[in-house]
């Protein structure tokens, strides 16, 4: 086999054996854990006999805490002390269920916990009763998934390809599980761009965190990038993932690559932050778009109300229909005081959702981010890049340590035209970024110059006052009614609002734009609010002159002539 797709297709073909005994939507319950098991089996195979010999010795010697000893022999931070392997399992078809369970129980704690996430024992019994277990194990034994044959990066691709296919069968949203690798590569380029000199130093140790880790794709690409830049540098990866299968795949990959598996946590990052005291150098994530958060609202609102800016959500709470900003605020809370950078993928909603109000909402979150000079850049990506959606997406770059030339500034990059059509669509993904596209976008970001694809703004350019414009209530004779303080009473039916750019004076604006049309109007200053929004389309709008009447007439005549010819052909 030459590439991950061939491996994925081979493993996908094994699922055909389940047809009739399993619903298609349940294929993943068998195929994914067995792919992980076979990967671990192949990884440990070269040292298997040595581990068993050592196990006999330490058992006879009555040595306690033997896991570290056996891990050292296996060469990884896990081992399997069972006499079985996939090869030995298929040598005893009559007892394959019991032997497989013994084999799984032979793994050290971290590896066994991975398999437990799949709740695989129920499937063992089910397959054994249907006389499928031996056939399935035999097929898996035929594929070599040792890292010499399939790299960690290829395994990541393969798992994601399998998950995507299984999700399609059950009409689930596969894209929630992973992000196209070329998008991750672009995010990592932007994330590490200003730190390349630091990362190239010998002995550099940095940390990176993904709060929606999925199968670990973002963490793996970051590791790969840093290894290319400096083989002596070390990137310690941390992550948390809600989906048990994705968590298990991510953790198994970290085990095999020698990362500390304890750094990968399972659970909801927002309501069950299991790395609450940790800070990181880099943070990266692709949270699910438009995810509702009613189920965790009680905890989130309690943290917002009770801790304010001492917690993660002091800046505000987004609408319950879209929790995107919760993930961003969660990541910002984990930035190091001395400086961190983060990259996050959003849809268009966080650019403008929410209107300034007395309630802290999306607008106040944007205000807090921009006024604290945290927003460094936003990159508009091409459409149809992701597997589960064709909508517009954006990479936000956030940092609490901007370079001097970027202080007080925000760069917007319009990269919607930088893509190429894929030979074959994958779900909703029809476009992809080529290495040249990634390089071009990265250079536009690094150059930090205004141009066709890059605009640079002051932070204040995104701010505006939302002012309430009142007009007086009048009696039947047209006289203005006065309140008890002798001031004109406002007529609520004539009330209006104006959004006035933050850089403009409110009184001057009223003189120029409002009073010439409604001379009796005034601003109720007690209701004035400040908001921020980023109207990406407006900033990159290019006027296209309308076609002339002669051009339109010429085209219509041409069409008429062409149609007439067709009609003559039909009639003839």
Foldseek 3Di string as FASTA:
>chain_A
DAALVVVLVLLVVLLVLCPPLDQLLCSCLASLLLVLQLAVLLLQVVQQVVLLVVVVVCVVVVPPPCQVVSCVSSVFSKHFNQPDGLVVLLVCLVCNLVSVVNRLVRIPDLLNVLSVLSVNNVVSVSCVVVVNNSVSSVSSVPDRNYCVRAPLLRVVVSVLLNQLVSCVSVVHQSLQQDAPLQVLLLQLLQFCVVPLVVLQDAAAEFEEEEAACRLNSSVVSNQVVSCVSHVRYYYAYAYEHARSSRLSNNLSSCRSVRHDSVRYYYDHCLQCPPCQPAAGQEYEYEHDAQDADPVRVVRNVCCCVPQQVPGQANQAAEPRRGRPVSVVSSNVSRHDPVKHKYKYKYAQCLQAPDDFDPHRYSFSSLVVQLVLQFWAEKEWAAAQQTQRGRGIMIMTMTMNDDDPVRGQKYKYFYLRPQWDADPDHRHSRGIHHDPVSSVVVSVCSVVQDDDLGMDMDGSQQQKWKKWKKFAADADPVRHFDADPVRHGDTDVVPIDIDTGRPPDDPVVCCVPPPCVPPVRMDTPVVGIGMGGGHPPCVVNDDDDDDDDPVVVVVVVVVVVVVVVVVVVVVVD
